[in-house]
């Protein structure tokens, strides 16, 4: 999934604002430091998923070369991605 950094930042700001307004969190550091750290974590997670997608596409290319003809990429992609994510401990 392609998401811009600006969208991620708005998402993080909204979540932190809601948690703060409901008195569910108190910041021990400055709020902007927390936002930057949250942004780094979320961006890293999206990067891991992008790398997973690349690996799945590579595996599908190999499978397609081995099994020409009736190979259906759109059905195999989610299955392979789910299996690899589980093996690597990635939450989708």
PDB file of N, CA and C in Angstrom:
ATOM      1  N   UNK A   1       0.855  -1.171   0.000  1.00  0.00           N
ATOM      2  CA  UNK A   1       0.000   0.000   0.000  1.00  0.00           C
ATOM      3  C   UNK A   1       0.901   1.234   0.000  1.00  0.00           C
ATOM      4  N   UNK A   2       0.629   2.151  -0.903  1.00  0.00           N
ATOM      5  CA  UNK A   2       1.434   3.362  -0.966  1.00  0.00           C
ATOM      6  C   UNK A   2       0.742   4.484  -0.194  1.00  0.00           C
ATOM      7  N   UNK A   3       1.458   4.968   0.790  1.00  0.00           N
ATOM      8  CA  UNK A   3       0.947   6.043   1.633  1.00  0.00           C
ATOM      9  C   UNK A   3       2.046   7.093   1.740  1.00  0.00           C
ATOM     10  N   UNK A   4       1.675   8.347   1.601  1.00  0.00           N
ATOM     11  CA  UNK A   4       2.667   9.416   1.675  1.00  0.00           C
ATOM     12  C   UNK A   4       3.044   9.690   3.125  1.00  0.00           C
ATOM     13  N   UNK A   5       4.203  10.293   3.282  1.00  0.00           N
ATOM     14  CA  UNK A   5       4.672  10.639   4.628  1.00  0.00           C
ATOM     15  C   UNK A   5       3.721  11.641   5.285  1.00  0.00           C
ATOM     16  N   UNK A   6       3.171  12.531   4.484  1.00  0.00           N
ATOM     17  CA  UNK A   6       2.232  13.522   5.015  1.00  0.00           C
ATOM     18  C   UNK A   6       0.975  12.840   5.570  1.00  0.00           C
ATOM     19  N   UNK A   7       0.493  11.830   4.879  1.00  0.00           N
ATOM     20  CA  UNK A   7      -0.689  11.093   5.337  1.00  0.00           C
ATOM     21  C   UNK A   7      -0.387  10.348   6.630  1.00  0.00           C
ATOM     22  N   UNK A   8       0.788   9.723   6.692  1.00  0.00           N
ATOM     23  CA  UNK A   8       1.188   9.012   7.907  1.00  0.00           C
ATOM     24  C   UNK A   8       1.269   9.993   9.070  1.00  0.00           C
ATOM     25  N   UNK A   9       1.847  11.170   8.820  1.00  0.00           N
ATOM     26  CA  UNK A   9       1.982  12.183   9.875  1.00  0.00           C
ATOM     27  C   UNK A   9       0.615  12.626  10.386  1.00  0.00           C
ATOM     28  N   UNK A  10      -0.334  12.842   9.478  1.00  0.00           N
ATOM     29  CA  UNK A  10      -1.685  13.231   9.908  1.00  0.00           C
ATOM     30  C   UNK A  10      -2.340  12.128  10.723  1.00  0.00           C
ATOM     31  N   UNK A  11      -2.138  10.893  10.292  1.00  0.00           N
ATOM     32  CA  UNK A  11      -2.674   9.736  11.005  1.00  0.00           C
ATOM     33  C   UNK A  11      -2.116   9.680  12.434  1.00  0.00           C
ATOM     34  N   UNK A  12      -0.819   9.834  12.570  1.00  0.00           N
ATOM     35  CA  UNK A  12      -0.166   9.805  13.883  1.00  0.00           C
ATOM     36  C   UNK A  12      -0.650  10.958  14.751  1.00  0.00           C
ATOM     37  N   UNK A  13      -0.710  12.157  14.172  1.00  0.00           N
ATOM     38  CA  UNK A  13      -1.183  13.324  14.924  1.00  0.00           C
ATOM     39  C   UNK A  13      -2.597  13.109  15.448  1.00  0.00           C
ATOM     40  N   UNK A  14      -3.453  12.548  14.604  1.00  0.00           N
ATOM     41  CA  UNK A  14      -4.840  12.304  14.993  1.00  0.00           C
ATOM     42  C   UNK A  14      -4.913  11.299  16.138  1.00  0.00           C
ATOM     43  N   UNK A  15      -4.167  10.224  16.029  1.00  0.00           N
ATOM     44  CA  UNK A  15      -4.182   9.199  17.078  1.00  0.00           C
ATOM     45  C   UNK A  15      -3.674   9.769  18.401  1.00  0.00           C
ATOM     46  N   UNK A  16      -2.534  10.459  18.356  1.00  0.00           N
ATOM     47  CA  UNK A  16      -1.982  11.026  19.593  1.00  0.00           C
ATOM     48  C   UNK A  16      -2.916  12.064  20.203  1.00  0.00           C
ATOM     49  N   UNK A  17      -3.545  12.867  19.353  1.00  0.00           N
ATOM     50  CA  UNK A  17      -4.482  13.879  19.836  1.00  0.00           C
ATOM     51  C   UNK A  17      -5.678  13.223  20.535  1.00  0.00           C
ATOM     52  N   UNK A  18      -6.209  12.164  19.928  1.00  0.00           N
ATOM     53  CA  UNK A  18      -7.349  11.465  20.529  1.00  0.00           C
ATOM     54  C   UNK A  18      -6.967  10.793  21.847  1.00  0.00           C
ATOM     55  N   UNK A  19      -5.814  10.148  21.873  1.00  0.00           N
ATOM     56  CA  UNK A  19      -5.374   9.502  23.108  1.00  0.00           C
ATOM     57  C   UNK A  19      -5.161  10.523  24.217  1.00  0.00           C
ATOM     58  N   UNK A  20      -4.608  11.667  23.857  1.00  0.00           N
ATOM     59  CA  UNK A  20      -4.357  12.725  24.833  1.00  0.00           C
ATOM     60  C   UNK A  20      -5.675  13.339  25.327  1.00  0.00           C
ATOM     61  N   UNK A  21      -6.622  13.562  24.419  1.00  0.00           N
ATOM     62  CA  UNK A  21      -7.902  14.168  24.807  1.00  0.00           C
ATOM     63  C   UNK A  21      -8.722  13.252  25.714  1.00  0.00           C
ATOM     64  N   UNK A  22      -8.515  11.948  25.588  1.00  0.00           N
ATOM     65  CA  UNK A  22      -9.232  10.990  26.429  1.00  0.00           C
ATOM     66  C   UNK A  22      -8.428  10.616  27.685  1.00  0.00           C
ATOM     67  N   UNK A  23      -7.325  11.328  27.905  1.00  0.00           N
ATOM     68  CA  UNK A  23      -6.457  11.099  29.062  1.00  0.00           C
ATOM     69  C   UNK A  23      -5.977   9.647  29.161  1.00  0.00           C
ATOM     70  N   UNK A  24      -5.691   9.050  28.004  1.00  0.00           N
ATOM     71  CA  UNK A  24      -5.191   7.686  27.980  1.00  0.00           C
ATOM     72  C   UNK A  24      -3.662   7.631  27.973  1.00  0.00           C
ATOM     73  N   UNK A  25      -3.029   8.757  27.611  1.00  0.00           N
ATOM     74  CA  UNK A  25      -1.569   8.810  27.628  1.00  0.00           C
ATOM     75  C   UNK A  25      -1.109  10.141  28.200  1.00  0.00           C
ATOM     76  N   UNK A  26       0.094  10.115  28.751  1.00  0.00           N
ATOM     77  CA  UNK A  26       0.782  11.326  29.171  1.00  0.00           C
ATOM     78  C   UNK A  26       2.187  11.233  28.598  1.00  0.00           C
ATOM     79  N   UNK A  27       2.650  12.307  28.019  1.00  0.00           N
ATOM     80  CA  UNK A  27       3.961  12.306  27.395  1.00  0.00           C
ATOM     81  C   UNK A  27       5.044  12.557  28.436  1.00  0.00           C
ATOM     82  N   UNK A  28       6.065  11.681  28.444  1.00  0.00           N
ATOM     83  CA  UNK A  28       7.221  11.872  29.307  1.00  0.00           C
ATOM     84  C   UNK A  28       8.278  12.696  28.586  1.00  0.00           C
ATOM     85  N   UNK A  29       8.196  12.705  27.258  1.00  0.00           N
ATOM     86  CA  UNK A  29       9.086  13.515  26.411  1.00  0.00           C
ATOM     87  C   UNK A  29       8.239  14.584  25.745  1.00  0.00           C
ATOM     88  N   UNK A  30       8.904  15.455  25.011  1.00  0.00           N
ATOM     89  CA  UNK A  30       8.158  16.459  24.260  1.00  0.00           C
ATOM     90  C   UNK A  30       7.313  15.766  23.202  1.00  0.00           C
ATOM     91  N   UNK A  31       6.165  16.342  22.947  1.00  0.00           N
ATOM     92  CA  UNK A  31       5.210  15.725  22.029  1.00  0.00           C
ATOM     93  C   UNK A  31       5.787  15.572  20.622  1.00  0.00           C
ATOM     94  N   UNK A  32       6.576  16.541  20.170  1.00  0.00           N
ATOM     95  CA  UNK A  32       7.144  16.435  18.823  1.00  0.00           C
ATOM     96  C   UNK A  32       8.158  15.299  18.721  1.00  0.00           C
ATOM     97  N   UNK A  33       8.850  14.978  19.816  1.00  0.00           N
ATOM     98  CA  UNK A  33       9.787  13.848  19.828  1.00  0.00           C
ATOM     99  C   UNK A  33       9.011  12.540  19.694  1.00  0.00           C
ATOM    100  N   UNK A  34       7.889  12.448  20.396  1.00  0.00           N
ATOM    101  CA  UNK A  34       7.038  11.258  20.324  1.00  0.00           C
ATOM    102  C   UNK A  34       6.489  11.096  18.905  1.00  0.00           C
ATOM    103  N   UNK A  35       6.055  12.198  18.284  1.00  0.00           N
ATOM    104  CA  UNK A  35       5.521  12.143  16.933  1.00  0.00           C
ATOM    105  C   UNK A  35       6.584  11.691  15.945  1.00  0.00           C
ATOM    106  N   UNK A  36       7.801  12.191  16.078  1.00  0.00           N
ATOM    107  CA  UNK A  36       8.881  11.788  15.174  1.00  0.00           C
ATOM    108  C   UNK A  36       9.194  10.306  15.322  1.00  0.00           C
ATOM    109  N   UNK A  37       9.213   9.827  16.563  1.00  0.00           N
ATOM    110  CA  UNK A  37       9.493   8.406  16.802  1.00  0.00           C
ATOM    111  C   UNK A  37       8.382   7.535  16.229  1.00  0.00           C
ATOM    112  N   UNK A  38       7.139   7.947  16.422  1.00  0.00           N
ATOM    113  CA  UNK A  38       6.000   7.202  15.880  1.00  0.00           C
ATOM    114  C   UNK A  38       6.060   7.180  14.358  1.00  0.00           C
ATOM    115  N   UNK A  39       6.414   8.299  13.744  1.00  0.00           N
ATOM    116  CA  UNK A  39       6.542   8.371  12.291  1.00  0.00           C
ATOM    117  C   UNK A  39       7.613   7.397  11.803  1.00  0.00           C
ATOM    118  N   UNK A  40       8.742   7.349  12.484  1.00  0.00           N
ATOM    119  CA  UNK A  40       9.825   6.443  12.093  1.00  0.00           C
ATOM    120  C   UNK A  40       9.380   4.980  12.188  1.00  0.00           C
ATOM    121  N   UNK A  41       8.643   4.653  13.231  1.00  0.00           N
ATOM    122  CA  UNK A  41       8.171   3.278  13.418  1.00  0.00           C
ATOM    123  C   UNK A  41       7.192   2.880  12.316  1.00  0.00           C
ATOM    124  N   UNK A  42       6.241   3.745  12.024  1.00  0.00           N
ATOM    125  CA  UNK A  42       5.230   3.439  11.009  1.00  0.00           C
ATOM    126  C   UNK A  42       5.869   3.352   9.621  1.00  0.00           C
ATOM    127  N   UNK A  43       6.790   4.261   9.320  1.00  0.00           N
ATOM    128  CA  UNK A  43       7.477   4.214   8.022  1.00  0.00           C
ATOM    129  C   UNK A  43       8.279   2.928   7.882  1.00  0.00           C
ATOM    130  N   UNK A  44       8.928   2.501   8.936  1.00  0.00           N
ATOM    131  CA  UNK A  44       9.700   1.258   8.903  1.00  0.00           C
ATOM    132  C   UNK A  44       8.788   0.053   8.655  1.00  0.00           C
ATOM    133  N   UNK A  45       7.593   0.082   9.245  1.00  0.00           N
ATOM    134  CA  UNK A  45       6.647  -1.006   9.042  1.00  0.00           C
ATOM    135  C   UNK A  45       6.174  -1.062   7.588  1.00  0.00           C
ATOM    136  N   UNK A  46       5.887   0.094   6.999  1.00  0.00           N
ATOM    137  CA  UNK A  46       5.488   0.130   5.590  1.00  0.00           C
ATOM    138  C   UNK A  46       6.630  -0.355   4.697  1.00  0.00           C
ATOM    139  N   UNK A  47       7.852  -0.026   5.064  1.00  0.00           N
ATOM    140  CA  UNK A  47       9.016  -0.480   4.294  1.00  0.00           C
ATOM    141  C   UNK A  47       9.148  -2.000   4.364  1.00  0.00           C
ATOM    142  N   UNK A  48       8.928  -2.579   5.532  1.00  0.00           N
ATOM    143  CA  UNK A  48       8.970  -4.047   5.658  1.00  0.00           C
ATOM    144  C   UNK A  48       7.921  -4.701   4.784  1.00  0.00           C
ATOM    145  N   UNK A  49       6.732  -4.122   4.730  1.00  0.00           N
ATOM    146  CA  UNK A  49       5.681  -4.688   3.894  1.00  0.00           C
ATOM    147  C   UNK A  49       6.026  -4.553   2.412  1.00  0.00           C
ATOM    148  N   UNK A  50       6.646  -3.434   2.031  1.00  0.00           N
ATOM    149  CA  UNK A  50       7.051  -3.253   0.640  1.00  0.00           C
ATOM    150  C   UNK A  50       8.089  -4.309   0.248  1.00  0.00           C
ATOM    151  N   UNK A  51       9.039  -4.560   1.132  1.00  0.00           N
ATOM    152  CA  UNK A  51      10.056  -5.579   0.884  1.00  0.00           C
ATOM    153  C   UNK A  51       9.423  -6.964   0.783  1.00  0.00           C
ATOM    154  N   UNK A  52       8.421  -7.221   1.610  1.00  0.00           N
ATOM    155  CA  UNK A  52       7.696  -8.491   1.554  1.00  0.00           C
ATOM    156  C   UNK A  52       6.995  -8.637   0.207  1.00  0.00           C
ATOM    157  N   UNK A  53       6.359  -7.570  -0.263  1.00  0.00           N
ATOM    158  CA  UNK A  53       5.699  -7.601  -1.575  1.00  0.00           C
ATOM    159  C   UNK A  53       6.691  -7.926  -2.689  1.00  0.00           C
ATOM    160  N   UNK A  54       7.873  -7.330  -2.620  1.00  0.00           N
ATOM    161  CA  UNK A  54       8.898  -7.605  -3.629  1.00  0.00           C
ATOM    162  C   UNK A  54       9.318  -9.067  -3.592  1.00  0.00           C
ATOM    163  N   UNK A  55       9.491  -9.606  -2.397  1.00  0.00           N
ATOM    164  CA  UNK A  55       9.884 -11.009  -2.267  1.00  0.00           C
ATOM    165  C   UNK A  55       8.797 -11.936  -2.803  1.00  0.00           C
ATOM    166  N   UNK A  56       7.538 -11.626  -2.512  1.00  0.00           N
ATOM    167  CA  UNK A  56       6.421 -12.442  -3.002  1.00  0.00           C
ATOM    168  C   UNK A  56       6.366 -12.373  -4.523  1.00  0.00           C
ATOM    169  N   UNK A  57       6.530 -11.191  -5.092  1.00  0.00           N
ATOM    170  CA  UNK A  57       6.518 -11.070  -6.557  1.00  0.00           C
ATOM    171  C   UNK A  57       7.654 -11.865  -7.185  1.00  0.00           C
ATOM    172  N   UNK A  58       8.805 -11.860  -6.570  1.00  0.00           N
ATOM    173  CA  UNK A  58       9.935 -12.646  -7.061  1.00  0.00           C
ATOM    174  C   UNK A  58       9.620 -14.141  -7.025  1.00  0.00           C
ATOM    175  N   UNK A  59       9.027 -14.586  -5.918  1.00  0.00           N
ATOM    176  CA  UNK A  59       8.641 -15.998  -5.801  1.00  0.00           C
ATOM    177  C   UNK A  59       7.603 -16.366  -6.851  1.00  0.00           C
ATOM    178  N   UNK A  60       6.665 -15.473  -7.099  1.00  0.00           N
ATOM    179  CA  UNK A  60       5.627 -15.743  -8.096  1.00  0.00           C
ATOM    180  C   UNK A  60       6.221 -15.803  -9.493  1.00  0.00           C
ATOM    181  N   UNK A  61       7.203 -14.958  -9.785  1.00  0.00           N
ATOM    182  CA  UNK A  61       7.878 -15.021 -11.080  1.00  0.00           C
ATOM    183  C   UNK A  61       8.526 -16.388 -11.270  1.00  0.00           C
ATOM    184  N   UNK A  62       9.190 -16.884 -10.230  1.00  0.00           N
ATOM    185  CA  UNK A  62       9.822 -18.203 -10.295  1.00  0.00           C
ATOM    186  C   UNK A  62       8.783 -19.303 -10.503  1.00  0.00           C
ATOM    187  N   UNK A  63       7.695 -19.222  -9.764  1.00  0.00           N
ATOM    188  CA  UNK A  63       6.631 -20.222  -9.900  1.00  0.00           C
ATOM    189  C   UNK A  63       6.007 -20.182 -11.291  1.00  0.00           C
ATOM    190  N   UNK A  64       5.849 -19.001 -11.825  1.00  0.00           N
ATOM    191  CA  UNK A  64       5.242 -18.853 -13.149  1.00  0.00           C
ATOM    192  C   UNK A  64       6.153 -19.451 -14.233  1.00  0.00           C
ATOM    193  N   UNK A  65       7.461 -19.289 -14.068  1.00  0.00           N
ATOM    194  CA  UNK A  65       8.397 -19.896 -15.022  1.00  0.00           C
ATOM    195  C   UNK A  65       8.356 -21.423 -14.933  1.00  0.00           C
ATOM    196  N   UNK A  66       8.189 -21.944 -13.726  1.00  0.00           N
ATOM    197  CA  UNK A  66       8.145 -23.391 -13.534  1.00  0.00           C
ATOM    198  C   UNK A  66       6.821 -24.000 -13.986  1.00  0.00           C
ATOM    199  N   UNK A  67       5.757 -23.234 -13.883  1.00  0.00           N
ATOM    200  CA  UNK A  67       4.407 -23.727 -14.217  1.00  0.00           C
ATOM    201  C   UNK A  67       3.730 -22.795 -15.218  1.00  0.00           C
ATOM    202  N   UNK A  68       4.167 -22.799 -16.462  1.00  0.00           N
ATOM    203  CA  UNK A  68       3.537 -21.896 -17.439  1.00  0.00           C
ATOM    204  C   UNK A  68       2.096 -22.333 -17.720  1.00  0.00           C
ATOM    205  N   UNK A  69       1.300 -21.370 -18.088  1.00  0.00           N
ATOM    206  CA  UNK A  69      -0.076 -21.701 -18.468  1.00  0.00           C
ATOM    207  C   UNK A  69      -1.086 -21.240 -17.447  1.00  0.00           C
ATOM    208  N   UNK A  70      -1.605 -22.153 -16.659  1.00  0.00           N
ATOM    209  CA  UNK A  70      -2.731 -21.892 -15.773  1.00  0.00           C
ATOM    210  C   UNK A  70      -2.395 -21.231 -14.455  1.00  0.00           C
ATOM    211  N   UNK A  71      -1.308 -20.523 -14.378  1.00  0.00           N
ATOM    212  CA  UNK A  71      -0.912 -19.872 -13.127  1.00  0.00           C
ATOM    213  C   UNK A  71      -1.684 -18.569 -12.946  1.00  0.00           C
ATOM    214  N   UNK A  72      -2.350 -18.418 -11.815  1.00  0.00           N
ATOM    215  CA  UNK A  72      -3.168 -17.223 -11.560  1.00  0.00           C
ATOM    216  C   UNK A  72      -2.519 -16.398 -10.455  1.00  0.00           C
ATOM    217  N   UNK A  73      -1.828 -15.336 -10.877  1.00  0.00           N
ATOM    218  CA  UNK A  73      -1.074 -14.499  -9.938  1.00  0.00           C
ATOM    219  C   UNK A  73      -1.982 -13.860  -8.888  1.00  0.00           C
ATOM    220  N   UNK A  74      -3.142 -13.380  -9.310  1.00  0.00           N
ATOM    221  CA  UNK A  74      -4.018 -12.661  -8.380  1.00  0.00           C
ATOM    222  C   UNK A  74      -4.521 -13.555  -7.244  1.00  0.00           C
ATOM    223  N   UNK A  75      -4.548 -14.868  -7.464  1.00  0.00           N
ATOM    224  CA  UNK A  75      -4.951 -15.783  -6.400  1.00  0.00           C
ATOM    225  C   UNK A  75      -3.764 -16.175  -5.528  1.00  0.00           C
ATOM    226  N   UNK A  76      -2.598 -16.310  -6.150  1.00  0.00           N
ATOM    227  CA  UNK A  76      -1.420 -16.753  -5.421  1.00  0.00           C
ATOM    228  C   UNK A  76      -0.804 -15.654  -4.555  1.00  0.00           C
ATOM    229  N   UNK A  77      -0.874 -14.406  -5.010  1.00  0.00           N
ATOM    230  CA  UNK A  77      -0.213 -13.321  -4.286  1.00  0.00           C
ATOM    231  C   UNK A  77      -0.651 -13.236  -2.829  1.00  0.00           C
ATOM    232  N   UNK A  78      -1.953 -13.153  -2.545  1.00  0.00           N
ATOM    233  CA  UNK A  78      -2.347 -13.042  -1.129  1.00  0.00           C
ATOM    234  C   UNK A  78      -1.975 -14.275  -0.300  1.00  0.00           C
ATOM    235  N   UNK A  79      -2.032 -15.446  -0.919  1.00  0.00           N
ATOM    236  CA  UNK A  79      -1.685 -16.665  -0.193  1.00  0.00           C
ATOM    237  C   UNK A  79      -0.207 -16.686   0.186  1.00  0.00           C
ATOM    238  N   UNK A  80       0.644 -16.381  -0.787  1.00  0.00           N
ATOM    239  CA  UNK A  80       2.076 -16.350  -0.526  1.00  0.00           C
ATOM    240  C   UNK A  80       2.446 -15.245   0.467  1.00  0.00           C
ATOM    241  N   UNK A  81       1.831 -14.091   0.291  1.00  0.00           N
ATOM    242  CA  UNK A  81       2.139 -12.963   1.173  1.00  0.00           C
ATOM    243  C   UNK A  81       1.755 -13.283   2.614  1.00  0.00           C
ATOM    244  N   UNK A  82       0.598 -13.876   2.789  1.00  0.00           N
ATOM    245  CA  UNK A  82       0.143 -14.226   4.130  1.00  0.00           C
ATOM    246  C   UNK A  82       1.087 -15.250   4.767  1.00  0.00           C
ATOM    247  N   UNK A  83       1.497 -16.250   3.984  1.00  0.00           N
ATOM    248  CA  UNK A  83       2.386 -17.288   4.517  1.00  0.00           C
ATOM    249  C   UNK A  83       3.754 -16.712   4.880  1.00  0.00           C
ATOM    250  N   UNK A  84       4.326 -15.914   3.984  1.00  0.00           N
ATOM    251  CA  UNK A  84       5.631 -15.314   4.257  1.00  0.00           C
ATOM    252  C   UNK A  84       5.583 -14.347   5.441  1.00  0.00           C
ATOM    253  N   UNK A  85       4.505 -13.584   5.527  1.00  0.00           N
ATOM    254  CA  UNK A  85       4.352 -12.641   6.632  1.00  0.00           C
ATOM    255  C   UNK A  85       4.319 -13.389   7.960  1.00  0.00           C
ATOM    256  N   UNK A  86       3.614 -14.504   7.988  1.00  0.00           N
ATOM    257  CA  UNK A  86       3.532 -15.294   9.209  1.00  0.00           C
ATOM    258  C   UNK A  86       4.913 -15.848   9.571  1.00  0.00           C
ATOM    259  N   UNK A  87       5.655 -16.347   8.574  1.00  0.00           N
ATOM    260  CA  UNK A  87       6.998 -16.887   8.809  1.00  0.00           C
ATOM    261  C   UNK A  87       7.947 -15.828   9.334  1.00  0.00           C
ATOM    262  N   UNK A  88       7.826 -14.599   8.819  1.00  0.00           N
ATOM    263  CA  UNK A  88       8.738 -13.519   9.186  1.00  0.00           C
ATOM    264  C   UNK A  88       8.254 -12.711  10.380  1.00  0.00           C
ATOM    265  N   UNK A  89       7.056 -13.002  10.865  1.00  0.00           N
ATOM    266  CA  UNK A  89       6.530 -12.278  12.015  1.00  0.00           C
ATOM    267  C   UNK A  89       6.047 -10.884  11.687  1.00  0.00           C
ATOM    268  N   UNK A  90       5.576 -10.695  10.458  1.00  0.00           N
ATOM    269  CA  UNK A  90       5.063  -9.393  10.031  1.00  0.00           C
ATOM    270  C   UNK A  90       3.544  -9.392  10.168  1.00  0.00           C
ATOM    271  N   UNK A  91       3.017  -8.411  10.843  1.00  0.00           N
ATOM    272  CA  UNK A  91       1.584  -8.288  11.000  1.00  0.00           C
ATOM    273  C   UNK A  91       1.044  -7.470   9.847  1.00  0.00           C
ATOM    274  N   UNK A  92       0.085  -8.038   9.117  1.00  0.00           N
ATOM    275  CA  UNK A  92      -0.486  -7.318   7.973  1.00  0.00           C
ATOM    276  C   UNK A  92      -1.756  -6.598   8.366  1.00  0.00           C
TER     277      UNK A  92
END
